[in-house]
Amino acid sequence: MQQFIDSIISNFLHSLSQLYSILFLRVDFWIIWLIIIALSAFIALSIIWGIRAHQRPVSAGREDLVGRIAIVETDLNPQGLVLVEGERWRAILDKGSAEPEDEVIITAVEGLKLMVTKGETA
């Protein structure tokens, strides 16, 4: 038991001597200022980006789909599949029919189905 306590004390004293030697190293003044400037810039940019992220409106969910343009993947007569930003959705066309690669406008979302209309898109 005495050896165990001696080894703990020895390790503690060795750690203190290492800490003492690290604390009293001579570091160039310009390196310290460079580190301070870099850290300050990082913190400032993080705060600015965080504030901007919180000010942006949420762009997800059902509300965001209404008014977007979808590309017809399978014939809409009146039901079929459309692609909205790479996602495949079931869609119901309000009137008429649409061929693959046609563009339709999302008018409503009901559950997991999109209500679409064929419209003139630019």
PDB file of N, CA and C in Angstrom:
ATOM      1  N   MET A   1       0.826  -1.195   0.000  1.00  0.00           N
ATOM      2  CA  MET A   1       0.000   0.000   0.000  1.00  0.00           C
ATOM      3  C   MET A   1       0.869   1.257   0.000  1.00  0.00           C
ATOM      4  N   GLN A   2       1.959   1.189   0.731  1.00  0.00           N
ATOM      5  CA  GLN A   2       2.869   2.332   0.813  1.00  0.00           C
ATOM      6  C   GLN A   2       3.473   2.636  -0.559  1.00  0.00           C
ATOM      7  N   GLN A   3       3.776   1.606  -1.350  1.00  0.00           N
ATOM      8  CA  GLN A   3       4.327   1.818  -2.688  1.00  0.00           C
ATOM      9  C   GLN A   3       3.304   2.495  -3.597  1.00  0.00           C
ATOM     10  N   PHE A   4       2.059   2.113  -3.434  1.00  0.00           N
ATOM     11  CA  PHE A   4       0.997   2.711  -4.239  1.00  0.00           C
ATOM     12  C   PHE A   4       0.896   4.211  -3.942  1.00  0.00           C
ATOM     13  N   ILE A   5       0.888   4.581  -2.679  1.00  0.00           N
ATOM     14  CA  ILE A   5       0.807   5.991  -2.292  1.00  0.00           C
ATOM     15  C   ILE A   5       2.041   6.744  -2.769  1.00  0.00           C
ATOM     16  N   ASP A   6       3.211   6.125  -2.652  1.00  0.00           N
ATOM     17  CA  ASP A   6       4.442   6.760  -3.119  1.00  0.00           C
ATOM     18  C   ASP A   6       4.401   7.002  -4.630  1.00  0.00           C
ATOM     19  N   SER A   7       3.867   6.040  -5.370  1.00  0.00           N
ATOM     20  CA  SER A   7       3.808   6.213  -6.825  1.00  0.00           C
ATOM     21  C   SER A   7       2.824   7.334  -7.198  1.00  0.00           C
ATOM     22  N   ILE A   8       1.711   7.452  -6.471  1.00  0.00           N
ATOM     23  CA  ILE A   8       0.757   8.532  -6.738  1.00  0.00           C
ATOM     24  C   ILE A   8       1.407   9.884  -6.458  1.00  0.00           C
ATOM     25  N   ILE A   9       2.093  10.010  -5.355  1.00  0.00           N
ATOM     26  CA  ILE A   9       2.761  11.269  -5.012  1.00  0.00           C
ATOM     27  C   ILE A   9       3.841  11.589  -6.034  1.00  0.00           C
ATOM     28  N   SER A  10       4.606  10.568  -6.434  1.00  0.00           N
ATOM     29  CA  SER A  10       5.663  10.769  -7.423  1.00  0.00           C
ATOM     30  C   SER A  10       5.078  11.243  -8.755  1.00  0.00           C
ATOM     31  N   ASN A  11       3.991  10.628  -9.192  1.00  0.00           N
ATOM     32  CA  ASN A  11       3.352  11.036 -10.444  1.00  0.00           C
ATOM     33  C   ASN A  11       2.799  12.455 -10.350  1.00  0.00           C
ATOM     34  N   PHE A  12       2.224  12.800  -9.210  1.00  0.00           N
ATOM     35  CA  PHE A  12       1.693  14.145  -9.007  1.00  0.00           C
ATOM     36  C   PHE A  12       2.810  15.185  -9.075  1.00  0.00           C
ATOM     37  N   LEU A  13       3.927  14.916  -8.412  1.00  0.00           N
ATOM     38  CA  LEU A  13       5.047  15.853  -8.432  1.00  0.00           C
ATOM     39  C   LEU A  13       5.645  15.966  -9.834  1.00  0.00           C
ATOM     40  N   HIS A  14       5.717  14.853 -10.544  1.00  0.00           N
ATOM     41  CA  HIS A  14       6.222  14.890 -11.907  1.00  0.00           C
ATOM     42  C   HIS A  14       5.300  15.733 -12.798  1.00  0.00           C
ATOM     43  N   SER A  15       3.993  15.579 -12.620  1.00  0.00           N
ATOM     44  CA  SER A  15       3.039  16.373 -13.394  1.00  0.00           C
ATOM     45  C   SER A  15       3.188  17.852 -13.096  1.00  0.00           C
ATOM     46  N   LEU A  16       3.387  18.187 -11.831  1.00  0.00           N
ATOM     47  CA  LEU A  16       3.595  19.590 -11.471  1.00  0.00           C
ATOM     48  C   LEU A  16       4.848  20.154 -12.112  1.00  0.00           C
ATOM     49  N   SER A  17       5.910  19.366 -12.141  1.00  0.00           N
ATOM     50  CA  SER A  17       7.143  19.861 -12.756  1.00  0.00           C
ATOM     51  C   SER A  17       6.961  20.050 -14.262  1.00  0.00           C
ATOM     52  N   GLN A  18       6.201  19.162 -14.910  1.00  0.00           N
ATOM     53  CA  GLN A  18       5.919  19.324 -16.341  1.00  0.00           C
ATOM     54  C   GLN A  18       5.082  20.574 -16.588  1.00  0.00           C
ATOM     55  N   LEU A  19       4.094  20.793 -15.745  1.00  0.00           N
ATOM     56  CA  LEU A  19       3.247  21.972 -15.868  1.00  0.00           C
ATOM     57  C   LEU A  19       4.072  23.242 -15.681  1.00  0.00           C
ATOM     58  N   TYR A  20       4.957  23.235 -14.712  1.00  0.00           N
ATOM     59  CA  TYR A  20       5.818  24.382 -14.454  1.00  0.00           C
ATOM     60  C   TYR A  20       6.686  24.688 -15.678  1.00  0.00           C
ATOM     61  N   SER A  21       7.222  23.653 -16.306  1.00  0.00           N
ATOM     62  CA  SER A  21       8.086  23.890 -17.470  1.00  0.00           C
ATOM     63  C   SER A  21       7.280  24.392 -18.663  1.00  0.00           C
ATOM     64  N   ILE A  22       6.035  23.938 -18.803  1.00  0.00           N
ATOM     65  CA  ILE A  22       5.202  24.403 -19.912  1.00  0.00           C
ATOM     66  C   ILE A  22       4.781  25.856 -19.701  1.00  0.00           C
ATOM     67  N   LEU A  23       4.423  26.209 -18.466  1.00  0.00           N
ATOM     68  CA  LEU A  23       3.951  27.557 -18.191  1.00  0.00           C
ATOM     69  C   LEU A  23       5.020  28.617 -18.389  1.00  0.00           C
ATOM     70  N   PHE A  24       6.257  28.267 -18.214  1.00  0.00           N
ATOM     71  CA  PHE A  24       7.320  29.258 -18.297  1.00  0.00           C
ATOM     72  C   PHE A  24       8.125  29.169 -19.578  1.00  0.00           C
ATOM     73  N   LEU A  25       7.538  28.581 -20.615  1.00  0.00           N
ATOM     74  CA  LEU A  25       8.183  28.595 -21.928  1.00  0.00           C
ATOM     75  C   LEU A  25       8.079  30.000 -22.504  1.00  0.00           C
ATOM     76  N   ARG A  26       9.048  30.379 -23.251  1.00  0.00           N
ATOM     77  CA  ARG A  26       9.034  31.682 -23.888  1.00  0.00           C
ATOM     78  C   ARG A  26       8.342  31.541 -25.239  1.00  0.00           C
ATOM     79  N   VAL A  27       7.167  32.160 -25.393  1.00  0.00           N
ATOM     80  CA  VAL A  27       6.427  32.126 -26.648  1.00  0.00           C
ATOM     81  C   VAL A  27       6.465  33.529 -27.237  1.00  0.00           C
ATOM     82  N   ASP A  28       6.694  33.582 -28.548  1.00  0.00           N
ATOM     83  CA  ASP A  28       6.757  34.878 -29.204  1.00  0.00           C
ATOM     84  C   ASP A  28       5.420  35.605 -29.069  1.00  0.00           C
ATOM     85  N   PHE A  29       5.542  36.912 -28.911  1.00  0.00           N
ATOM     86  CA  PHE A  29       4.380  37.759 -28.705  1.00  0.00           C
ATOM     87  C   PHE A  29       3.424  37.712 -29.891  1.00  0.00           C
ATOM     88  N   TRP A  30       3.953  37.670 -31.106  1.00  0.00           N
ATOM     89  CA  TRP A  30       3.112  37.675 -32.309  1.00  0.00           C
ATOM     90  C   TRP A  30       2.291  36.394 -32.435  1.00  0.00           C
ATOM     91  N   ILE A  31       2.776  35.273 -31.933  1.00  0.00           N
ATOM     92  CA  ILE A  31       2.019  34.017 -31.977  1.00  0.00           C
ATOM     93  C   ILE A  31       0.798  34.122 -31.065  1.00  0.00           C
ATOM     94  N   ILE A  32       0.979  34.704 -29.908  1.00  0.00           N
ATOM     95  CA  ILE A  32      -0.139  34.876 -28.982  1.00  0.00           C
ATOM     96  C   ILE A  32      -1.201  35.765 -29.610  1.00  0.00           C
ATOM     97  N   TRP A  33      -0.785  36.878 -30.233  1.00  0.00           N
ATOM     98  CA  TRP A  33      -1.752  37.778 -30.865  1.00  0.00           C
ATOM     99  C   TRP A  33      -2.439  37.119 -32.052  1.00  0.00           C
ATOM    100  N   LEU A  34      -1.719  36.316 -32.811  1.00  0.00           N
ATOM    101  CA  LEU A  34      -2.308  35.604 -33.941  1.00  0.00           C
ATOM    102  C   LEU A  34      -3.390  34.637 -33.460  1.00  0.00           C
ATOM    103  N   ILE A  35      -3.127  33.933 -32.382  1.00  0.00           N
ATOM    104  CA  ILE A  35      -4.118  33.009 -31.827  1.00  0.00           C
ATOM    105  C   ILE A  35      -5.333  33.776 -31.301  1.00  0.00           C
ATOM    106  N   ILE A  36      -5.105  34.888 -30.615  1.00  0.00           N
ATOM    107  CA  ILE A  36      -6.206  35.697 -30.087  1.00  0.00           C
ATOM    108  C   ILE A  36      -7.074  36.228 -31.229  1.00  0.00           C
ATOM    109  N   ILE A  37      -6.457  36.735 -32.295  1.00  0.00           N
ATOM    110  CA  ILE A  37      -7.214  37.263 -33.431  1.00  0.00           C
ATOM    111  C   ILE A  37      -8.006  36.154 -34.124  1.00  0.00           C
ATOM    112  N   ALA A  38      -7.387  34.996 -34.317  1.00  0.00           N
ATOM    113  CA  ALA A  38      -8.074  33.881 -34.980  1.00  0.00           C
ATOM    114  C   ALA A  38      -9.272  33.414 -34.156  1.00  0.00           C
ATOM    115  N   LEU A  39      -9.100  33.274 -32.859  1.00  0.00           N
ATOM    116  CA  LEU A  39     -10.211  32.848 -31.999  1.00  0.00           C
ATOM    117  C   LEU A  39     -11.319  33.897 -31.960  1.00  0.00           C
ATOM    118  N   SER A  40     -10.949  35.166 -31.918  1.00  0.00           N
ATOM    119  CA  SER A  40     -11.960  36.229 -31.919  1.00  0.00           C
ATOM    120  C   SER A  40     -12.752  36.230 -33.218  1.00  0.00           C
ATOM    121  N   ALA A  41     -12.070  36.050 -34.348  1.00  0.00           N
ATOM    122  CA  ALA A  41     -12.766  35.998 -35.636  1.00  0.00           C
ATOM    123  C   ALA A  41     -13.700  34.797 -35.700  1.00  0.00           C
ATOM    124  N   PHE A  42     -13.267  33.655 -35.206  1.00  0.00           N
ATOM    125  CA  PHE A  42     -14.105  32.459 -35.204  1.00  0.00           C
ATOM    126  C   PHE A  42     -15.354  32.669 -34.355  1.00  0.00           C
ATOM    127  N   ILE A  43     -15.188  33.240 -33.186  1.00  0.00           N
ATOM    128  CA  ILE A  43     -16.341  33.475 -32.300  1.00  0.00           C
ATOM    129  C   ILE A  43     -17.296  34.490 -32.924  1.00  0.00           C
ATOM    130  N   ALA A  44     -16.762  35.565 -33.512  1.00  0.00           N
ATOM    131  CA  ALA A  44     -17.610  36.586 -34.132  1.00  0.00           C
ATOM    132  C   ALA A  44     -18.390  35.999 -35.306  1.00  0.00           C
ATOM    133  N   LEU A  45     -17.733  35.232 -36.173  1.00  0.00           N
ATOM    134  CA  LEU A  45     -18.425  34.620 -37.310  1.00  0.00           C
ATOM    135  C   LEU A  45     -19.464  33.611 -36.846  1.00  0.00           C
ATOM    136  N   SER A  46     -19.171  32.864 -35.806  1.00  0.00           N
ATOM    137  CA  SER A  46     -20.146  31.901 -35.280  1.00  0.00           C
ATOM    138  C   SER A  46     -21.394  32.607 -34.769  1.00  0.00           C
ATOM    139  N   ILE A  47     -21.207  33.712 -34.074  1.00  0.00           N
ATOM    140  CA  ILE A  47     -22.351  34.476 -33.560  1.00  0.00           C
ATOM    141  C   ILE A  47     -23.169  35.049 -34.715  1.00  0.00           C
ATOM    142  N   ILE A  48     -22.496  35.627 -35.718  1.00  0.00           N
ATOM    143  CA  ILE A  48     -23.197  36.210 -36.866  1.00  0.00           C
ATOM    144  C   ILE A  48     -23.984  35.141 -37.612  1.00  0.00           C
ATOM    145  N   TRP A  49     -23.368  33.992 -37.889  1.00  0.00           N
ATOM    146  CA  TRP A  49     -24.053  32.912 -38.617  1.00  0.00           C
ATOM    147  C   TRP A  49     -25.202  32.346 -37.793  1.00  0.00           C
ATOM    148  N   GLY A  50     -25.038  32.275 -36.498  1.00  0.00           N
ATOM    149  CA  GLY A  50     -26.116  31.787 -35.633  1.00  0.00           C
ATOM    150  C   GLY A  50     -27.316  32.722 -35.654  1.00  0.00           C
ATOM    151  N   ILE A  51     -27.057  34.026 -35.596  1.00  0.00           N
ATOM    152  CA  ILE A  51     -28.150  35.005 -35.632  1.00  0.00           C
ATOM    153  C   ILE A  51     -28.866  34.935 -36.981  1.00  0.00           C
ATOM    154  N   ARG A  52     -28.109  34.842 -38.072  1.00  0.00           N
ATOM    155  CA  ARG A  52     -28.726  34.752 -39.402  1.00  0.00           C
ATOM    156  C   ARG A  52     -29.573  33.488 -39.547  1.00  0.00           C
ATOM    157  N   ALA A  53     -29.098  32.389 -38.997  1.00  0.00           N
ATOM    158  CA  ALA A  53     -29.848  31.127 -39.101  1.00  0.00           C
ATOM    159  C   ALA A  53     -31.173  31.214 -38.354  1.00  0.00           C
ATOM    160  N   HIS A  54     -31.197  31.920 -37.250  1.00  0.00           N
ATOM    161  CA  HIS A  54     -32.434  32.049 -36.477  1.00  0.00           C
ATOM    162  C   HIS A  54     -33.406  33.051 -37.088  1.00  0.00           C
ATOM    163  N   GLN A  55     -32.916  33.956 -37.922  1.00  0.00           N
ATOM    164  CA  GLN A  55     -33.787  34.949 -38.536  1.00  0.00           C
ATOM    165  C   GLN A  55     -34.454  34.444 -39.808  1.00  0.00           C
ATOM    166  N   ARG A  56     -33.895  33.390 -40.429  1.00  0.00           N
ATOM    167  CA  ARG A  56     -34.482  32.842 -41.649  1.00  0.00           C
ATOM    168  C   ARG A  56     -35.796  32.138 -41.353  1.00  0.00           C
ATOM    169  N   PRO A  57     -36.775  32.283 -42.245  1.00  0.00           N
ATOM    170  CA  PRO A  57     -38.027  31.548 -42.045  1.00  0.00           C
ATOM    171  C   PRO A  57     -37.803  30.050 -42.288  1.00  0.00           C
ATOM    172  N   VAL A  58     -38.593  29.255 -41.614  1.00  0.00           N
ATOM    173  CA  VAL A  58     -38.502  27.817 -41.773  1.00  0.00           C
ATOM    174  C   VAL A  58     -38.979  27.454 -43.170  1.00  0.00           C
ATOM    175  N   SER A  59     -38.200  26.649 -43.871  1.00  0.00           N
ATOM    176  CA  SER A  59     -38.588  26.267 -45.234  1.00  0.00           C
ATOM    177  C   SER A  59     -38.732  24.751 -45.319  1.00  0.00           C
ATOM    178  N   ALA A  60     -39.644  24.233 -44.532  1.00  0.00           N
ATOM    179  CA  ALA A  60     -39.913  22.802 -44.551  1.00  0.00           C
ATOM    180  C   ALA A  60     -41.361  22.586 -44.172  1.00  0.00           C
ATOM    181  N   GLY A  61     -41.884  21.465 -44.576  1.00  0.00           N
ATOM    182  CA  GLY A  61     -43.237  21.128 -44.195  1.00  0.00           C
ATOM    183  C   GLY A  61     -44.240  21.393 -45.297  1.00  0.00           C
ATOM    184  N   ARG A  62     -45.483  21.176 -44.951  1.00  0.00           N
ATOM    185  CA  ARG A  62     -46.571  21.265 -45.913  1.00  0.00           C
ATOM    186  C   ARG A  62     -46.744  22.672 -46.478  1.00  0.00           C
ATOM    187  N   GLU A  63     -46.603  23.658 -45.626  1.00  0.00           N
ATOM    188  CA  GLU A  63     -46.829  25.030 -46.070  1.00  0.00           C
ATOM    189  C   GLU A  63     -45.849  25.430 -47.159  1.00  0.00           C
ATOM    190  N   ASP A  64     -44.668  24.881 -47.113  1.00  0.00           N
ATOM    191  CA  ASP A  64     -43.631  25.259 -48.064  1.00  0.00           C
ATOM    192  C   ASP A  64     -43.858  24.645 -49.445  1.00  0.00           C
ATOM    193  N   LEU A  65     -44.632  23.581 -49.539  1.00  0.00           N
ATOM    194  CA  LEU A  65     -44.850  22.924 -50.831  1.00  0.00           C
ATOM    195  C   LEU A  65     -45.841  23.671 -51.719  1.00  0.00           C
ATOM    196  N   VAL A  66     -46.816  24.317 -51.123  1.00  0.00           N
ATOM    197  CA  VAL A  66     -47.859  24.994 -51.907  1.00  0.00           C
ATOM    198  C   VAL A  66     -47.229  26.117 -52.728  1.00  0.00           C
ATOM    199  N   GLY A  67     -47.511  26.087 -54.029  1.00  0.00           N
ATOM    200  CA  GLY A  67     -46.973  27.095 -54.935  1.00  0.00           C
ATOM    201  C   GLY A  67     -45.721  26.656 -55.663  1.00  0.00           C
ATOM    202  N   ARG A  68     -45.133  25.562 -55.251  1.00  0.00           N
ATOM    203  CA  ARG A  68     -43.927  25.082 -55.923  1.00  0.00           C
ATOM    204  C   ARG A  68     -44.276  24.346 -57.212  1.00  0.00           C
ATOM    205  N   ILE A  69     -43.270  24.209 -58.047  1.00  0.00           N
ATOM    206  CA  ILE A  69     -43.438  23.497 -59.309  1.00  0.00           C
ATOM    207  C   ILE A  69     -42.956  22.063 -59.139  1.00  0.00           C
ATOM    208  N   ALA A  70     -43.750  21.119 -59.656  1.00  0.00           N
ATOM    209  CA  ALA A  70     -43.392  19.699 -59.618  1.00  0.00           C
ATOM    210  C   ALA A  70     -43.297  19.190 -61.050  1.00  0.00           C
ATOM    211  N   ILE A  71     -42.463  18.189 -61.252  1.00  0.00           N
ATOM    212  CA  ILE A  71     -42.295  17.577 -62.564  1.00  0.00           C
ATOM    213  C   ILE A  71     -43.061  16.251 -62.576  1.00  0.00           C
ATOM    214  N   VAL A  72     -43.902  16.061 -63.572  1.00  0.00           N
ATOM    215  CA  VAL A  72     -44.699  14.839 -63.670  1.00  0.00           C
ATOM    216  C   VAL A  72     -43.773  13.671 -64.014  1.00  0.00           C
ATOM    217  N   GLU A  73     -43.883  12.592 -63.239  1.00  0.00           N
ATOM    218  CA  GLU A  73     -43.058  11.410 -63.477  1.00  0.00           C
ATOM    219  C   GLU A  73     -43.848  10.321 -64.210  1.00  0.00           C
ATOM    220  N   THR A  74     -45.088  10.102 -63.793  1.00  0.00           N
ATOM    221  CA  THR A  74     -45.964   9.174 -64.502  1.00  0.00           C
ATOM    222  C   THR A  74     -47.215   9.940 -64.919  1.00  0.00           C
ATOM    223  N   ASP A  75     -47.933   9.410 -65.887  1.00  0.00           N
ATOM    224  CA  ASP A  75     -49.134  10.101 -66.388  1.00  0.00           C
ATOM    225  C   ASP A  75     -50.060  10.484 -65.236  1.00  0.00           C
ATOM    226  N   LEU A  76     -50.500  11.724 -65.253  1.00  0.00           N
ATOM    227  CA  LEU A  76     -51.501  12.186 -64.284  1.00  0.00           C
ATOM    228  C   LEU A  76     -52.847  12.184 -64.999  1.00  0.00           C
ATOM    229  N   ASN A  77     -53.674  11.187 -64.678  1.00  0.00           N
ATOM    230  CA  ASN A  77     -54.953  11.071 -65.364  1.00  0.00           C
ATOM    231  C   ASN A  77     -56.012  10.549 -64.415  1.00  0.00           C
ATOM    232  N   PRO A  78     -56.439  11.139 -63.413  1.00  0.00           N
ATOM    233  CA  PRO A  78     -55.953  12.352 -62.758  1.00  0.00           C
ATOM    234  C   PRO A  78     -54.888  12.069 -61.691  1.00  0.00           C
ATOM    235  N   GLN A  79     -54.642  10.766 -61.358  1.00  0.00           N
ATOM    236  CA  GLN A  79     -53.642  10.462 -60.329  1.00  0.00           C
ATOM    237  C   GLN A  79     -52.350   9.979 -60.968  1.00  0.00           C
ATOM    238  N   GLY A  80     -51.242  10.188 -60.243  1.00  0.00           N
ATOM    239  CA  GLY A  80     -49.943   9.724 -60.705  1.00  0.00           C
ATOM    240  C   GLY A  80     -48.866  10.159 -59.745  1.00  0.00           C
ATOM    241  N   LEU A  81     -47.630  10.140 -60.233  1.00  0.00           N
ATOM    242  CA  LEU A  81     -46.483  10.517 -59.401  1.00  0.00           C
ATOM    243  C   LEU A  81     -45.806  11.760 -59.962  1.00  0.00           C
ATOM    244  N   VAL A  82     -45.354  12.621 -59.051  1.00  0.00           N
ATOM    245  CA  VAL A  82     -44.599  13.814 -59.438  1.00  0.00           C
ATOM    246  C   VAL A  82     -43.322  13.877 -58.605  1.00  0.00           C
ATOM    247  N   LEU A  83     -42.355  14.631 -59.097  1.00  0.00           N
ATOM    248  CA  LEU A  83     -41.108  14.861 -58.372  1.00  0.00           C
ATOM    249  C   LEU A  83     -41.064  16.307 -57.915  1.00  0.00           C
ATOM    250  N   VAL A  84     -40.820  16.490 -56.625  1.00  0.00           N
ATOM    251  CA  VAL A  84     -40.662  17.822 -56.054  1.00  0.00           C
ATOM    252  C   VAL A  84     -39.296  17.844 -55.377  1.00  0.00           C
ATOM    253  N   GLU A  85     -38.353  18.576 -55.978  1.00  0.00           N
ATOM    254  CA  GLU A  85     -36.993  18.668 -55.462  1.00  0.00           C
ATOM    255  C   GLU A  85     -36.403  17.289 -55.188  1.00  0.00           C
ATOM    256  N   GLY A  86     -36.595  16.381 -56.125  1.00  0.00           N
ATOM    257  CA  GLY A  86     -36.019  15.054 -56.015  1.00  0.00           C
ATOM    258  C   GLY A  86     -36.823  14.061 -55.198  1.00  0.00           C
ATOM    259  N   GLU A  87     -37.914  14.495 -54.601  1.00  0.00           N
ATOM    260  CA  GLU A  87     -38.753  13.604 -53.805  1.00  0.00           C
ATOM    261  C   GLU A  87     -39.975  13.195 -54.619  1.00  0.00           C
ATOM    262  N   ARG A  88     -40.313  11.913 -54.558  1.00  0.00           N
ATOM    263  CA  ARG A  88     -41.464  11.389 -55.296  1.00  0.00           C
ATOM    264  C   ARG A  88     -42.715  11.493 -54.432  1.00  0.00           C
ATOM    265  N   TRP A  89     -43.767  12.108 -54.985  1.00  0.00           N
ATOM    266  CA  TRP A  89     -45.038  12.297 -54.290  1.00  0.00           C
ATOM    267  C   TRP A  89     -46.185  11.776 -55.152  1.00  0.00           C
ATOM    268  N   ARG A  90     -47.232  11.275 -54.494  1.00  0.00           N
ATOM    269  CA  ARG A  90     -48.477  10.979 -55.196  1.00  0.00           C
ATOM    270  C   ARG A  90     -49.179  12.308 -55.428  1.00  0.00           C
ATOM    271  N   ALA A  91     -49.774  12.436 -56.605  1.00  0.00           N
ATOM    272  CA  ALA A  91     -50.441  13.699 -56.930  1.00  0.00           C
ATOM    273  C   ALA A  91     -51.766  13.430 -57.614  1.00  0.00           C
ATOM    274  N   ILE A  92     -52.677  14.367 -57.424  1.00  0.00           N
ATOM    275  CA  ILE A  92     -53.981  14.328 -58.090  1.00  0.00           C
ATOM    276  C   ILE A  92     -54.131  15.632 -58.856  1.00  0.00           C
ATOM    277  N   LEU A  93     -54.333  15.501 -60.158  1.00  0.00           N
ATOM    278  CA  LEU A  93     -54.499  16.663 -61.019  1.00  0.00           C
ATOM    279  C   LEU A  93     -55.951  17.117 -60.966  1.00  0.00           C
ATOM    280  N   ASP A  94     -56.183  18.433 -60.861  1.00  0.00           N
ATOM    281  CA  ASP A  94     -57.550  18.929 -60.699  1.00  0.00           C
ATOM    282  C   ASP A  94     -58.417  18.726 -61.935  1.00  0.00           C
ATOM    283  N   LYS A  95     -57.862  18.891 -63.132  1.00  0.00           N
ATOM    284  CA  LYS A  95     -58.645  18.631 -64.341  1.00  0.00           C
ATOM    285  C   LYS A  95     -57.696  18.339 -65.496  1.00  0.00           C
ATOM    286  N   GLY A  96     -58.174  17.539 -66.409  1.00  0.00           N
ATOM    287  CA  GLY A  96     -57.362  17.184 -67.568  1.00  0.00           C
ATOM    288  C   GLY A  96     -56.366  16.085 -67.247  1.00  0.00           C
ATOM    289  N   SER A  97     -55.288  16.063 -68.007  1.00  0.00           N
ATOM    290  CA  SER A  97     -54.229  15.081 -67.791  1.00  0.00           C
ATOM    291  C   SER A  97     -52.888  15.739 -68.075  1.00  0.00           C
ATOM    292  N   ALA A  98     -51.830  15.094 -67.600  1.00  0.00           N
ATOM    293  CA  ALA A  98     -50.479  15.618 -67.808  1.00  0.00           C
ATOM    294  C   ALA A  98     -49.553  14.459 -68.161  1.00  0.00           C
ATOM    295  N   GLU A  99     -48.659  14.704 -69.081  1.00  0.00           N
ATOM    296  CA  GLU A  99     -47.689  13.708 -69.540  1.00  0.00           C
ATOM    297  C   GLU A  99     -46.414  13.798 -68.698  1.00  0.00           C
ATOM    298  N   PRO A 100     -45.601  12.730 -68.704  1.00  0.00           N
ATOM    299  CA  PRO A 100     -44.312  12.804 -68.011  1.00  0.00           C
ATOM    300  C   PRO A 100     -43.475  13.975 -68.535  1.00  0.00           C
ATOM    301  N   GLU A 101     -42.715  14.575 -67.660  1.00  0.00           N
ATOM    302  CA  GLU A 101     -41.853  15.738 -67.910  1.00  0.00           C
ATOM    303  C   GLU A 101     -42.628  17.055 -67.972  1.00  0.00           C
ATOM    304  N   ASP A 102     -43.961  17.035 -67.858  1.00  0.00           N
ATOM    305  CA  ASP A 102     -44.717  18.281 -67.786  1.00  0.00           C
ATOM    306  C   ASP A 102     -44.519  18.898 -66.399  1.00  0.00           C
ATOM    307  N   GLU A 103     -44.700  20.209 -66.341  1.00  0.00           N
ATOM    308  CA  GLU A 103     -44.613  20.899 -65.058  1.00  0.00           C
ATOM    309  C   GLU A 103     -46.015  21.203 -64.553  1.00  0.00           C
ATOM    310  N   VAL A 104     -46.214  20.949 -63.264  1.00  0.00           N
ATOM    311  CA  VAL A 104     -47.493  21.260 -62.626  1.00  0.00           C
ATOM    312  C   VAL A 104     -47.215  22.083 -61.376  1.00  0.00           C
ATOM    313  N   ILE A 105     -48.222  22.804 -60.915  1.00  0.00           N
ATOM    314  CA  ILE A 105     -48.086  23.656 -59.729  1.00  0.00           C
ATOM    315  C   ILE A 105     -48.858  23.026 -58.581  1.00  0.00           C
ATOM    316  N   ILE A 106     -48.230  22.958 -57.430  1.00  0.00           N
ATOM    317  CA  ILE A 106     -48.870  22.375 -56.254  1.00  0.00           C
ATOM    318  C   ILE A 106     -49.834  23.407 -55.670  1.00  0.00           C
ATOM    319  N   THR A 107     -51.096  23.004 -55.498  1.00  0.00           N
ATOM    320  CA  THR A 107     -52.104  23.918 -54.969  1.00  0.00           C
ATOM    321  C   THR A 107     -52.493  23.596 -53.527  1.00  0.00           C
ATOM    322  N   ALA A 108     -52.330  22.338 -53.119  1.00  0.00           N
ATOM    323  CA  ALA A 108     -52.693  21.954 -51.755  1.00  0.00           C
ATOM    324  C   ALA A 108     -51.999  20.645 -51.397  1.00  0.00           C
ATOM    325  N   VAL A 109     -51.956  20.382 -50.104  1.00  0.00           N
ATOM    326  CA  VAL A 109     -51.405  19.127 -49.597  1.00  0.00           C
ATOM    327  C   VAL A 109     -52.469  18.496 -48.712  1.00  0.00           C
ATOM    328  N   GLU A 110     -52.829  17.270 -49.024  1.00  0.00           N
ATOM    329  CA  GLU A 110     -53.811  16.541 -48.214  1.00  0.00           C
ATOM    330  C   GLU A 110     -53.174  15.225 -47.798  1.00  0.00           C
ATOM    331  N   GLY A 111     -52.742  15.167 -46.570  1.00  0.00           N
ATOM    332  CA  GLY A 111     -52.045  13.972 -46.096  1.00  0.00           C
ATOM    333  C   GLY A 111     -50.726  13.824 -46.834  1.00  0.00           C
ATOM    334  N   LEU A 112     -50.577  12.693 -47.533  1.00  0.00           N
ATOM    335  CA  LEU A 112     -49.366  12.465 -48.313  1.00  0.00           C
ATOM    336  C   LEU A 112     -49.615  12.604 -49.806  1.00  0.00           C
ATOM    337  N   LYS A 113     -50.681  13.258 -50.175  1.00  0.00           N
ATOM    338  CA  LYS A 113     -51.004  13.494 -51.581  1.00  0.00           C
ATOM    339  C   LYS A 113     -50.979  14.987 -51.868  1.00  0.00           C
ATOM    340  N   LEU A 114     -50.492  15.301 -53.062  1.00  0.00           N
ATOM    341  CA  LEU A 114     -50.448  16.688 -53.504  1.00  0.00           C
ATOM    342  C   LEU A 114     -51.581  16.937 -54.485  1.00  0.00           C
ATOM    343  N   MET A 115     -52.244  18.039 -54.320  1.00  0.00           N
ATOM    344  CA  MET A 115     -53.233  18.486 -55.290  1.00  0.00           C
ATOM    345  C   MET A 115     -52.500  19.444 -56.229  1.00  0.00           C
ATOM    346  N   VAL A 116     -52.548  19.150 -57.522  1.00  0.00           N
ATOM    347  CA  VAL A 116     -51.795  19.947 -58.479  1.00  0.00           C
ATOM    348  C   VAL A 116     -52.700  20.444 -59.596  1.00  0.00           C
ATOM    349  N   THR A 117     -52.230  21.465 -60.265  1.00  0.00           N
ATOM    350  CA  THR A 117     -52.930  22.002 -61.415  1.00  0.00           C
ATOM    351  C   THR A 117     -51.910  22.252 -62.512  1.00  0.00           C
ATOM    352  N   LYS A 118     -52.359  22.051 -63.730  1.00  0.00           N
ATOM    353  CA  LYS A 118     -51.485  22.303 -64.860  1.00  0.00           C
ATOM    354  C   LYS A 118     -51.541  23.791 -65.137  1.00  0.00           C
ATOM    355  N   GLY A 119     -50.417  24.431 -65.133  1.00  0.00           N
ATOM    356  CA  GLY A 119     -50.397  25.876 -65.338  1.00  0.00           C
ATOM    357  C   GLY A 119     -49.246  26.277 -66.208  1.00  0.00           C
ATOM    358  N   GLU A 120     -49.259  27.505 -66.633  1.00  0.00           N
ATOM    359  CA  GLU A 120     -48.182  28.046 -67.434  1.00  0.00           C
ATOM    360  C   GLU A 120     -47.025  28.398 -66.522  1.00  0.00           C
ATOM    361  N   THR A 121     -45.857  27.815 -66.769  1.00  0.00           N
ATOM    362  CA  THR A 121     -44.665  28.098 -65.967  1.00  0.00           C
ATOM    363  C   THR A 121     -43.608  28.689 -66.857  1.00  0.00           C
ATOM    364  N   ALA A 122     -42.810  29.539 -66.274  1.00  0.00           N
ATOM    365  CA  ALA A 122     -41.769  30.204 -67.058  1.00  0.00           C
ATOM    366  C   ALA A 122     -40.538  29.354 -67.114  1.00  0.00           C
TER     367      ALA A 122
END
